[in-house]
PDB file of all heavy atoms in Angstrom:
ATOM      1  N   ASN A   1      19.346 -58.541  24.654  1.00  0.00           N
ATOM      2  CA  ASN A   1      19.790 -58.258  26.012  1.00  0.00           C
ATOM      3  C   ASN A   1      18.604 -57.670  26.803  1.00  0.00           C
ATOM      4  O   ASN A   1      17.516 -57.479  26.269  1.00  0.00           O
ATOM      5  CB  ASN A   1      21.020 -57.348  26.044  1.00  0.00           C
ATOM      6  CG  ASN A   1      20.760 -55.991  25.472  1.00  0.00           C
ATOM      7  OD1 ASN A   1      19.641 -55.482  25.482  1.00  0.00           O
ATOM      8  ND2 ASN A   1      21.821 -55.326  24.982  1.00  0.00           N
ATOM      9  N   GLU A   2      18.808 -57.389  28.073  1.00  0.00           N
ATOM     10  CA  GLU A   2      17.734 -56.954  28.959  1.00  0.00           C
ATOM     11  C   GLU A   2      17.053 -55.662  28.461  1.00  0.00           C
ATOM     12  O   GLU A   2      15.830 -55.583  28.430  1.00  0.00           O
ATOM     13  CB  GLU A   2      18.307 -56.737  30.368  1.00  0.00           C
ATOM     14  CG  GLU A   2      17.279 -56.466  31.436  1.00  0.00           C
ATOM     15  CD  GLU A   2      16.408 -57.655  31.761  1.00  0.00           C
ATOM     16  OE1 GLU A   2      16.852 -58.791  31.516  1.00  0.00           O
ATOM     17  OE2 GLU A   2      15.289 -57.445  32.256  1.00  0.00           O
ATOM     18  N   ARG A   3      17.839 -54.695  28.084  1.00  0.00           N
ATOM     19  CA  ARG A   3      17.278 -53.431  27.640  1.00  0.00           C
ATOM     20  C   ARG A   3      16.493 -53.563  26.346  1.00  0.00           C
ATOM     21  O   ARG A   3      15.422 -52.979  26.180  1.00  0.00           O
ATOM     22  CB  ARG A   3      18.393 -52.400  27.495  1.00  0.00           C
ATOM     23  CG  ARG A   3      17.894 -51.016  27.129  1.00  0.00           C
ATOM     24  CD  ARG A   3      19.038 -50.016  27.180  1.00  0.00           C
ATOM     25  NE  ARG A   3      18.634 -48.729  26.680  1.00  0.00           N
ATOM     26  CZ  ARG A   3      18.013 -47.800  27.422  1.00  0.00           C
ATOM     27  NH1 ARG A   3      17.738 -48.040  28.676  1.00  0.00           N
ATOM     28  NH2 ARG A   3      17.667 -46.664  26.888  1.00  0.00           N
ATOM     29  N   GLN A   4      17.014 -54.348  25.411  1.00  0.00           N
ATOM     30  CA  GLN A   4      16.328 -54.546  24.141  1.00  0.00           C
ATOM     31  C   GLN A   4      15.005 -55.241  24.341  1.00  0.00           C
ATOM     32  O   GLN A   4      13.997 -54.867  23.753  1.00  0.00           O
ATOM     33  CB  GLN A   4      17.210 -55.366  23.195  1.00  0.00           C
ATOM     34  CG  GLN A   4      18.437 -54.640  22.697  1.00  0.00           C
ATOM     35  CD  GLN A   4      19.390 -55.576  21.960  1.00  0.00           C
ATOM     36  OE1 GLN A   4      19.394 -56.793  22.198  1.00  0.00           O
ATOM     37  NE2 GLN A   4      20.206 -55.018  21.100  1.00  0.00           N
ATOM     38  N   SER A   5      14.976 -56.274  25.187  1.00  0.00           N
ATOM     39  CA  SER A   5      13.730 -57.009  25.393  1.00  0.00           C
ATOM     40  C   SER A   5      12.711 -56.146  26.141  1.00  0.00           C
ATOM     41  O   SER A   5      11.526 -56.189  25.855  1.00  0.00           O
ATOM     42  CB  SER A   5      13.981 -58.317  26.133  1.00  0.00           C
ATOM     43  OG  SER A   5      14.504 -58.089  27.402  1.00  0.00           O
ATOM     44  N   THR A   6      13.179 -55.315  27.084  1.00  0.00           N
ATOM     45  CA  THR A   6      12.279 -54.417  27.809  1.00  0.00           C
ATOM     46  C   THR A   6      11.685 -53.404  26.834  1.00  0.00           C
ATOM     47  O   THR A   6      10.477 -53.133  26.869  1.00  0.00           O
ATOM     48  CB  THR A   6      13.023 -53.688  28.943  1.00  0.00           C
ATOM     49  OG1 THR A   6      13.578 -54.651  29.818  1.00  0.00           O
ATOM     50  CG2 THR A   6      12.098 -52.762  29.693  1.00  0.00           C
ATOM     51  N   ARG A   7      12.520 -52.845  25.982  1.00  0.00           N
ATOM     52  CA  ARG A   7      12.035 -51.854  25.012  1.00  0.00           C
ATOM     53  C   ARG A   7      11.013 -52.471  24.082  1.00  0.00           C
ATOM     54  O   ARG A   7       9.972 -51.881  23.786  1.00  0.00           O
ATOM     55  CB  ARG A   7      13.200 -51.298  24.200  1.00  0.00           C
ATOM     56  CG  ARG A   7      12.767 -50.233  23.211  1.00  0.00           C
ATOM     57  CD  ARG A   7      13.932 -49.759  22.370  1.00  0.00           C
ATOM     58  NE  ARG A   7      13.618 -48.550  21.647  1.00  0.00           N
ATOM     59  CZ  ARG A   7      12.823 -48.498  20.578  1.00  0.00           C
ATOM     60  NH1 ARG A   7      12.288 -49.576  20.094  1.00  0.00           N
ATOM     61  NH2 ARG A   7      12.581 -47.343  19.972  1.00  0.00           N
ATOM     62  N   ARG A   8      11.284 -53.660  23.599  1.00  0.00           N
ATOM     63  CA  ARG A   8      10.377 -54.324  22.693  1.00  0.00           C
ATOM     64  C   ARG A   8       9.039 -54.622  23.364  1.00  0.00           C
ATOM     65  O   ARG A   8       7.965 -54.435  22.781  1.00  0.00           O
ATOM     66  CB  ARG A   8      11.013 -55.606  22.156  1.00  0.00           C
ATOM     67  CG  ARG A   8      10.364 -56.129  20.910  1.00  0.00           C
ATOM     68  CD  ARG A   8      11.247 -57.146  20.264  1.00  0.00           C
ATOM     69  NE  ARG A   8      12.368 -56.471  19.613  1.00  0.00           N
ATOM     70  CZ  ARG A   8      12.744 -56.715  18.372  1.00  0.00           C
ATOM     71  NH1 ARG A   8      12.094 -57.579  17.646  1.00  0.00           N
ATOM     72  NH2 ARG A   8      13.749 -56.074  17.860  1.00  0.00           N
ATOM     73  N   ALA A   9       9.088 -55.046  24.631  1.00  0.00           N
ATOM     74  CA  ALA A   9       7.856 -55.348  25.362  1.00  0.00           C
ATOM     75  C   ALA A   9       7.014 -54.076  25.551  1.00  0.00           C
ATOM     76  O   ALA A   9       5.788 -54.093  25.352  1.00  0.00           O
ATOM     77  CB  ALA A   9       8.192 -55.966  26.717  1.00  0.00           C
ATOM     78  N   ILE A  10       7.664 -52.987  25.926  1.00  0.00           N
ATOM     79  CA  ILE A  10       6.925 -51.732  26.137  1.00  0.00           C
ATOM     80  C   ILE A  10       6.337 -51.246  24.821  1.00  0.00           C
ATOM     81  O   ILE A  10       5.171 -50.779  24.780  1.00  0.00           O
ATOM     82  CB  ILE A  10       7.852 -50.674  26.766  1.00  0.00           C
ATOM     83  CG1 ILE A  10       8.241 -51.093  28.180  1.00  0.00           C
ATOM     84  CG2 ILE A  10       7.177 -49.300  26.786  1.00  0.00           C
ATOM     85  CD1 ILE A  10       9.334 -50.242  28.788  1.00  0.00           C
ATOM     86  N   MET A  11       7.073 -51.339  23.733  1.00  0.00           N
ATOM     87  CA  MET A  11       6.565 -50.889  22.435  1.00  0.00           C
ATOM     88  C   MET A  11       5.372 -51.744  22.010  1.00  0.00           C
ATOM     89  O   MET A  11       4.389 -51.221  21.475  1.00  0.00           O
ATOM     90  CB  MET A  11       7.668 -50.939  21.370  1.00  0.00           C
ATOM     91  CG  MET A  11       8.713 -49.872  21.518  1.00  0.00           C
ATOM     92  SD  MET A  11       8.085 -48.195  21.533  1.00  0.00           S
ATOM     93  CE  MET A  11       7.402 -48.054  19.900  1.00  0.00           C
ATOM     94  N   TRP A  12       5.423 -53.047  22.251  1.00  0.00           N
ATOM     95  CA  TRP A  12       4.306 -53.905  21.921  1.00  0.00           C
ATOM     96  C   TRP A  12       3.079 -53.542  22.734  1.00  0.00           C
ATOM     97  O   TRP A  12       1.960 -53.526  22.206  1.00  0.00           O
ATOM     98  CB  TRP A  12       4.667 -55.365  22.157  1.00  0.00           C
ATOM     99  CG  TRP A  12       5.600 -55.947  21.146  1.00  0.00           C
ATOM    100  CD1 TRP A  12       6.028 -55.380  19.986  1.00  0.00           C
ATOM    101  CD2 TRP A  12       6.225 -57.223  21.209  1.00  0.00           C
ATOM    102  NE1 TRP A  12       6.886 -56.227  19.331  1.00  0.00           N
ATOM    103  CE2 TRP A  12       7.031 -57.368  20.048  1.00  0.00           C
ATOM    104  CE3 TRP A  12       6.197 -58.260  22.125  1.00  0.00           C
ATOM    105  CZ2 TRP A  12       7.768 -58.513  19.791  1.00  0.00           C
ATOM    106  CZ3 TRP A  12       6.958 -59.401  21.865  1.00  0.00           C
ATOM    107  CH2 TRP A  12       7.729 -59.522  20.710  1.00  0.00           C
ATOM    108  N   ILE A  13       3.268 -53.237  24.028  1.00  0.00           N
ATOM    109  CA  ILE A  13       2.144 -52.847  24.880  1.00  0.00           C
ATOM    110  C   ILE A  13       1.544 -51.523  24.407  1.00  0.00           C
ATOM    111  O   ILE A  13       0.325 -51.365  24.342  1.00  0.00           O
ATOM    112  CB  ILE A  13       2.574 -52.780  26.347  1.00  0.00           C
ATOM    113  CG1 ILE A  13       2.874 -54.189  26.877  1.00  0.00           C
ATOM    114  CG2 ILE A  13       1.520 -52.109  27.219  1.00  0.00           C
ATOM    115  CD1 ILE A  13       3.500 -54.233  28.247  1.00  0.00           C
ATOM    116  N   ILE A  14       2.393 -50.576  24.048  1.00  0.00           N
ATOM    117  CA  ILE A  14       1.884 -49.280  23.553  1.00  0.00           C
ATOM    118  C   ILE A  14       1.145 -49.456  22.246  1.00  0.00           C
ATOM    119  O   ILE A  14       0.057 -48.881  22.043  1.00  0.00           O
ATOM    120  CB  ILE A  14       3.053 -48.266  23.408  1.00  0.00           C
ATOM    121  CG1 ILE A  14       3.592 -47.878  24.780  1.00  0.00           C
ATOM    122  CG2 ILE A  14       2.619 -47.034  22.638  1.00  0.00           C
ATOM    123  CD1 ILE A  14       4.865 -47.050  24.754  1.00  0.00           C
ATOM    124  N   GLU A  15       1.676 -50.274  21.325  1.00  0.00           N
ATOM    125  CA  GLU A  15       1.020 -50.517  20.047  1.00  0.00           C
ATOM    126  C   GLU A  15      -0.342 -51.201  20.262  1.00  0.00           C
ATOM    127  O   GLU A  15      -1.336 -50.861  19.604  1.00  0.00           O
ATOM    128  CB  GLU A  15       1.882 -51.374  19.144  1.00  0.00           C
ATOM    129  CG  GLU A  15       3.064 -50.632  18.563  1.00  0.00           C
ATOM    130  CD  GLU A  15       4.029 -51.572  17.846  1.00  0.00           C
ATOM    131  OE1 GLU A  15       3.633 -52.723  17.532  1.00  0.00           O
ATOM    132  OE2 GLU A  15       5.167 -51.150  17.592  1.00  0.00           O
ATOM    133  N   ALA A  16      -0.384 -52.190  21.155  1.00  0.00           N
ATOM    134  CA  ALA A  16      -1.642 -52.901  21.430  1.00  0.00           C
ATOM    135  C   ALA A  16      -2.670 -51.961  22.074  1.00  0.00           C
ATOM    136  O   ALA A  16      -3.859 -52.067  21.801  1.00  0.00           O
ATOM    137  CB  ALA A  16      -1.386 -54.103  22.319  1.00  0.00           C
ATOM    138  N   SER A  17      -2.197 -51.041  22.905  1.00  0.00           N
ATOM    139  CA  SER A  17      -3.117 -50.101  23.540  1.00  0.00           C
ATOM    140  C   SER A  17      -3.681 -49.104  22.527  1.00  0.00           C
ATOM    141  O   SER A  17      -4.794 -48.633  22.700  1.00  0.00           O
ATOM    142  CB  SER A  17      -2.433 -49.362  24.677  1.00  0.00           C
ATOM    143  OG  SER A  17      -1.497 -48.435  24.183  1.00  0.00           O
ATOM    144  N   ARG A  18      -2.931 -48.790  21.476  1.00  0.00           N
ATOM    145  CA  ARG A  18      -3.436 -47.878  20.447  1.00  0.00           C
ATOM    146  C   ARG A  18      -4.572 -48.516  19.647  1.00  0.00           C
ATOM    147  O   ARG A  18      -5.405 -47.812  19.076  1.00  0.00           O
ATOM    148  CB  ARG A  18      -2.314 -47.496  19.500  1.00  0.00           C
ATOM    149  CG  ARG A  18      -1.352 -46.549  20.138  1.00  0.00           C
ATOM    150  CD  ARG A  18      -0.430 -45.875  19.140  1.00  0.00           C
ATOM    151  NE  ARG A  18       0.445 -44.953  19.864  1.00  0.00           N
ATOM    152  CZ  ARG A  18       1.749 -44.976  19.824  1.00  0.00           C
ATOM    153  NH1 ARG A  18       2.379 -45.869  19.084  1.00  0.00           N
ATOM    154  NH2 ARG A  18       2.460 -44.106  20.517  1.00  0.00           N
ATOM    155  N   ARG A  19      -4.633 -49.838  19.610  1.00  0.00           N
ATOM    156  CA  ARG A  19      -5.716 -50.523  18.894  1.00  0.00           C
ATOM    157  C   ARG A  19      -6.983 -50.634  19.719  1.00  0.00           C
ATOM    158  O   ARG A  19      -7.996 -51.126  19.226  1.00  0.00           O
ATOM    159  CB  ARG A  19      -5.238 -51.899  18.445  1.00  0.00           C
ATOM    160  CG  ARG A  19      -4.197 -51.856  17.345  1.00  0.00           C
ATOM    161  CD  ARG A  19      -3.957 -53.220  16.767  1.00  0.00           C
ATOM    162  NE  ARG A  19      -3.403 -54.154  17.733  1.00  0.00           N
ATOM    163  CZ  ARG A  19      -2.112 -54.394  17.900  1.00  0.00           C
ATOM    164  NH1 ARG A  19      -1.227 -53.733  17.161  1.00  0.00           N
ATOM    165  NH2 ARG A  19      -1.694 -55.272  18.775  1.00  0.00           N
ATOM    166  N   ARG A  20      -6.932 -50.234  20.991  1.00  0.00           N
ATOM    167  CA  ARG A  20      -8.121 -50.315  21.836  1.00  0.00           C
ATOM    168  C   ARG A  20      -9.085 -49.198  21.508  1.00  0.00           C
ATOM    169  O   ARG A  20      -8.725 -48.171  20.964  1.00  0.00           O
ATOM    170  CB  ARG A  20      -7.725 -50.266  23.310  1.00  0.00           C
ATOM    171  CG  ARG A  20      -7.012 -51.538  23.737  1.00  0.00           C
ATOM    172  CD  ARG A  20      -7.056 -51.729  25.218  1.00  0.00           C
ATOM    173  NE  ARG A  20      -6.532 -53.028  25.561  1.00  0.00           N
ATOM    174  CZ  ARG A  20      -7.285 -54.083  25.805  1.00  0.00           C
ATOM    175  NH1 ARG A  20      -8.598 -53.983  25.776  1.00  0.00           N
ATOM    176  NH2 ARG A  20      -6.756 -55.238  26.103  1.00  0.00           N
ATOM    177  N   ALA A  21     -10.358 -49.376  21.904  1.00  0.00           N
ATOM    178  CA  ALA A  21     -11.420 -48.462  21.493  1.00  0.00           C
ATOM    179  C   ALA A  21     -11.488 -47.181  22.310  1.00  0.00           C
ATOM    180  O   ALA A  21     -12.023 -46.208  21.832  1.00  0.00           O
ATOM    181  CB  ALA A  21     -12.764 -49.192  21.586  1.00  0.00           C
ATOM    182  N   ASP A  22     -10.978 -47.172  23.514  1.00  0.00           N
ATOM    183  CA  ASP A  22     -11.137 -46.015  24.393  1.00  0.00           C
ATOM    184  C   ASP A  22     -10.380 -44.807  23.836  1.00  0.00           C
ATOM    185  O   ASP A  22      -9.375 -44.938  23.171  1.00  0.00           O
ATOM    186  CB  ASP A  22     -10.611 -46.361  25.783  1.00  0.00           C
ATOM    187  CG  ASP A  22     -11.126 -45.417  26.846  1.00  0.00           C
ATOM    188  OD1 ASP A  22     -11.731 -44.392  26.485  1.00  0.00           O
ATOM    189  OD2 ASP A  22     -10.950 -45.727  28.026  1.00  0.00           O
ATOM    190  N   ARG A  23     -10.898 -43.614  24.143  1.00  0.00           N
ATOM    191  CA  ARG A  23     -10.270 -42.408  23.611  1.00  0.00           C
ATOM    192  C   ARG A  23      -9.092 -41.939  24.465  1.00  0.00           C
ATOM    193  O   ARG A  23      -8.121 -41.374  23.944  1.00  0.00           O
ATOM    194  CB  ARG A  23     -11.330 -41.307  23.533  1.00  0.00           C
ATOM    195  CG  ARG A  23     -10.817 -40.070  22.915  1.00  0.00           C
ATOM    196  CD  ARG A  23     -11.884 -39.076  22.716  1.00  0.00           C
ATOM    197  NE  ARG A  23     -11.270 -37.817  22.298  1.00  0.00           N
ATOM    198  CZ  ARG A  23     -11.900 -36.730  22.084  1.00  0.00           C
ATOM    199  NH1 ARG A  23     -13.193 -36.695  22.241  1.00  0.00           N
ATOM    200  NH2 ARG A  23     -11.274 -35.637  21.708  1.00  0.00           N
ATOM    201  N   ASP A  24      -9.168 -42.175  25.775  1.00  0.00           N
ATOM    202  CA  ASP A  24      -8.126 -41.729  26.689  1.00  0.00           C
ATOM    203  C   ASP A  24      -6.934 -42.683  26.642  1.00  0.00           C
ATOM    204  O   ASP A  24      -7.063 -43.878  26.931  1.00  0.00           O
ATOM    205  CB  ASP A  24      -8.705 -41.672  28.113  1.00  0.00           C
ATOM    206  CG  ASP A  24      -7.727 -41.101  29.114  1.00  0.00           C
ATOM    207  OD1 ASP A  24      -6.776 -40.423  28.684  1.00  0.00           O
ATOM    208  OD2 ASP A  24      -7.919 -41.349  30.327  1.00  0.00           O
ATOM    209  N   ILE A  25      -5.762 -42.167  26.289  1.00  0.00           N
ATOM    210  CA  ILE A  25      -4.576 -43.006  26.122  1.00  0.00           C
ATOM    211  C   ILE A  25      -4.138 -43.633  27.433  1.00  0.00           C
ATOM    212  O   ILE A  25      -3.694 -44.785  27.454  1.00  0.00           O
ATOM    213  CB  ILE A  25      -3.415 -42.215  25.454  1.00  0.00           C
ATOM    214  CG1 ILE A  25      -2.296 -43.137  25.062  1.00  0.00           C
ATOM    215  CG2 ILE A  25      -2.914 -41.140  26.365  1.00  0.00           C
ATOM    216  CD1 ILE A  25      -1.277 -42.489  24.161  1.00  0.00           C
ATOM    217  N   SER A  26      -4.275 -42.923  28.537  1.00  0.00           N
ATOM    218  CA  SER A  26      -3.845 -43.477  29.806  1.00  0.00           C
ATOM    219  C   SER A  26      -4.736 -44.625  30.236  1.00  0.00           C
ATOM    220  O   SER A  26      -4.271 -45.622  30.779  1.00  0.00           O
ATOM    221  CB  SER A  26      -3.795 -42.389  30.879  1.00  0.00           C
ATOM    222  OG  SER A  26      -5.030 -41.737  30.969  1.00  0.00           O
ATOM    223  N   ARG A  27      -6.050 -44.528  29.964  1.00  0.00           N
ATOM    224  CA  ARG A  27      -6.954 -45.623  30.298  1.00  0.00           C
ATOM    225  C   ARG A  27      -6.681 -46.836  29.409  1.00  0.00           C
ATOM    226  O   ARG A  27      -6.716 -47.982  29.877  1.00  0.00           O
ATOM    227  CB  ARG A  27      -8.409 -45.150  30.146  1.00  0.00           C
ATOM    228  CG  ARG A  27      -9.351 -45.973  30.956  1.00  0.00           C
ATOM    229  CD  ARG A  27     -10.765 -45.411  30.996  1.00  0.00           C
ATOM    230  NE  ARG A  27     -10.789 -43.980  31.222  1.00  0.00           N
ATOM    231  CZ  ARG A  27     -11.564 -43.132  30.559  1.00  0.00           C
ATOM    232  NH1 ARG A  27     -12.377 -43.545  29.631  1.00  0.00           N
ATOM    233  NH2 ARG A  27     -11.527 -41.843  30.823  1.00  0.00           N
ATOM    234  N   ARG A  28      -6.377 -46.567  28.129  1.00  0.00           N
ATOM    235  CA  ARG A  28      -6.053 -47.682  27.216  1.00  0.00           C
ATOM    236  C   ARG A  28      -4.806 -48.412  27.685  1.00  0.00           C
ATOM    237  O   ARG A  28      -4.739 -49.646  27.656  1.00  0.00           O
ATOM    238  CB  ARG A  28      -5.839 -47.145  25.809  1.00  0.00           C
ATOM    239  CG  ARG A  28      -7.086 -46.709  25.088  1.00  0.00           C
ATOM    240  CD  ARG A  28      -6.842 -46.466  23.628  1.00  0.00           C
ATOM    241  NE  ARG A  28      -5.611 -45.765  23.339  1.00  0.00           N
ATOM    242  CZ  ARG A  28      -5.519 -44.645  22.625  1.00  0.00           C
ATOM    243  NH1 ARG A  28      -6.617 -44.095  22.139  1.00  0.00           N
ATOM    244  NH2 ARG A  28      -4.369 -44.090  22.402  1.00  0.00           N
ATOM    245  N   LEU A  29      -3.781 -47.642  28.088  1.00  0.00           N
ATOM    246  CA  LEU A  29      -2.548 -48.266  28.575  1.00  0.00           C
ATOM    247  C   LEU A  29      -2.797 -49.084  29.832  1.00  0.00           C
ATOM    248  O   LEU A  29      -2.262 -50.189  29.963  1.00  0.00           O
ATOM    249  CB  LEU A  29      -1.485 -47.186  28.856  1.00  0.00           C
ATOM    250  CG  LEU A  29      -0.658 -46.735  27.684  1.00  0.00           C
ATOM    251  CD1 LEU A  29       0.139 -45.480  28.075  1.00  0.00           C
ATOM    252  CD2 LEU A  29       0.265 -47.815  27.218  1.00  0.00           C
ATOM    253  N   ALA A  30      -3.613 -48.538  30.751  1.00  0.00           N
ATOM    254  CA  ALA A  30      -3.899 -49.259  31.996  1.00  0.00           C
ATOM    255  C   ALA A  30      -4.623 -50.568  31.706  1.00  0.00           C
ATOM    256  O   ALA A  30      -4.260 -51.617  32.268  1.00  0.00           O
ATOM    257  CB  ALA A  30      -4.741 -48.381  32.928  1.00  0.00           C
ATOM    258  N   VAL A  31      -5.618 -50.518  30.840  1.00  0.00           N
ATOM    259  CA  VAL A  31      -6.371 -51.741  30.499  1.00  0.00           C
ATOM    260  C   VAL A  31      -5.476 -52.741  29.795  1.00  0.00           C
ATOM    261  O   VAL A  31      -5.575 -53.969  30.029  1.00  0.00           O
ATOM    262  CB  VAL A  31      -7.611 -51.363  29.654  1.00  0.00           C
ATOM    263  CG1 VAL A  31      -8.289 -52.604  29.108  1.00  0.00           C
ATOM    264  CG2 VAL A  31      -8.573 -50.550  30.487  1.00  0.00           C
ATOM    265  N   GLU A  32      -4.584 -52.262  28.935  1.00  0.00           N
ATOM    266  CA  GLU A  32      -3.681 -53.182  28.233  1.00  0.00           C
ATOM    267  C   GLU A  32      -2.694 -53.853  29.192  1.00  0.00           C
ATOM    268  O   GLU A  32      -2.412 -55.035  29.086  1.00  0.00           O
ATOM    269  CB  GLU A  32      -2.928 -52.448  27.130  1.00  0.00           C
ATOM    270  CG  GLU A  32      -2.114 -53.359  26.236  1.00  0.00           C
ATOM    271  CD  GLU A  32      -2.944 -54.353  25.460  1.00  0.00           C
ATOM    272  OE1 GLU A  32      -4.055 -54.044  25.056  1.00  0.00           O
ATOM    273  OE2 GLU A  32      -2.481 -55.504  25.299  1.00  0.00           O
ATOM    274  N   MET A  33      -2.165 -53.062  30.154  1.00  0.00           N
ATOM    275  CA  MET A  33      -1.253 -53.657  31.161  1.00  0.00           C
ATOM    276  C   MET A  33      -1.974 -54.743  31.952  1.00  0.00           C
ATOM    277  O   MET A  33      -1.431 -55.820  32.206  1.00  0.00           O
ATOM    278  CB  MET A  33      -0.757 -52.588  32.124  1.00  0.00           C
ATOM    279  CG  MET A  33       0.197 -51.600  31.520  1.00  0.00           C
ATOM    280  SD  MET A  33       1.877 -52.190  31.538  1.00  0.00           S
ATOM    281  CE  MET A  33       2.730 -50.740  30.977  1.00  0.00           C
ATOM    282  N   LEU A  34      -3.229 -54.455  32.345  1.00  0.00           N
ATOM    283  CA  LEU A  34      -3.997 -55.449  33.101  1.00  0.00           C
ATOM    284  C   LEU A  34      -4.343 -56.666  32.241  1.00  0.00           C
ATOM    285  O   LEU A  34      -4.401 -57.791  32.727  1.00  0.00           O
ATOM    286  CB  LEU A  34      -5.240 -54.809  33.693  1.00  0.00           C
ATOM    287  CG  LEU A  34      -4.965 -53.744  34.754  1.00  0.00           C
ATOM    288  CD1 LEU A  34      -6.252 -53.076  35.192  1.00  0.00           C
ATOM    289  CD2 LEU A  34      -4.221 -54.321  35.937  1.00  0.00           C
ATOM    290  N   ALA A  35      -4.563 -56.436  30.929  1.00  0.00           N
ATOM    291  CA  ALA A  35      -4.847 -57.559  30.029  1.00  0.00           C
ATOM    292  C   ALA A  35      -3.618 -58.453  29.904  1.00  0.00           C
ATOM    293  O   ALA A  35      -3.745 -59.676  29.811  1.00  0.00           O
ATOM    294  CB  ALA A  35      -5.272 -57.028  28.662  1.00  0.00           C
ATOM    295  N   VAL A  36      -2.438 -57.855  29.881  1.00  0.00           N
ATOM    296  CA  VAL A  36      -1.199 -58.668  29.833  1.00  0.00           C
ATOM    297  C   VAL A  36      -1.101 -59.499  31.103  1.00  0.00           C
ATOM    298  O   VAL A  36      -0.760 -60.695  31.039  1.00  0.00           O
ATOM    299  CB  VAL A  36       0.040 -57.762  29.676  1.00  0.00           C
ATOM    300  CG1 VAL A  36       1.315 -58.530  29.898  1.00  0.00           C
ATOM    301  CG2 VAL A  36       0.062 -57.120  28.297  1.00  0.00           C
ATOM    302  N   LEU A  37      -1.417 -58.906  32.240  1.00  0.00           N
ATOM    303  CA  LEU A  37      -1.370 -59.655  33.503  1.00  0.00           C
ATOM    304  C   LEU A  37      -2.385 -60.784  33.542  1.00  0.00           C
ATOM    305  O   LEU A  37      -2.114 -61.852  34.103  1.00  0.00           O
ATOM    306  CB  LEU A  37      -1.600 -58.711  34.677  1.00  0.00           C
ATOM    307  CG  LEU A  37      -0.471 -57.738  34.969  1.00  0.00           C
ATOM    308  CD1 LEU A  37      -0.869 -56.739  36.033  1.00  0.00           C
ATOM    309  CD2 LEU A  37       0.781 -58.480  35.411  1.00  0.00           C
ATOM    310  N   GLU A  38      -3.569 -60.565  32.954  1.00  0.00           N
ATOM    311  CA  GLU A  38      -4.589 -61.597  32.943  1.00  0.00           C
ATOM    312  C   GLU A  38      -4.284 -62.681  31.910  1.00  0.00           C
ATOM    313  O   GLU A  38      -4.840 -63.778  31.965  1.00  0.00           O
ATOM    314  CB  GLU A  38      -5.951 -60.982  32.647  1.00  0.00           C
ATOM    315  CG  GLU A  38      -6.456 -60.113  33.778  1.00  0.00           C
ATOM    316  CD  GLU A  38      -7.690 -59.320  33.384  1.00  0.00           C
ATOM    317  OE1 GLU A  38      -8.139 -59.429  32.220  1.00  0.00           O
ATOM    318  OE2 GLU A  38      -8.177 -58.575  34.234  1.00  0.00           O
ATOM    319  N   GLY A  39      -3.438 -62.377  30.938  1.00  0.00           N
ATOM    320  CA  GLY A  39      -3.044 -63.364  29.944  1.00  0.00           C
ATOM    321  C   GLY A  39      -3.878 -63.353  28.690  1.00  0.00           C
ATOM    322  O   GLY A  39      -3.812 -64.283  27.889  1.00  0.00           O
TER     323      GLY A  39
END
């Protein structure tokens, strides 16, 4: 359903941002969100 798919998408984005090299979590999240938009 809508909530489940939203939760799964956010969790995937957070997990992918944790694998990024930057130390600042907010910068990692921002770059990951923009990477999703770029494809």
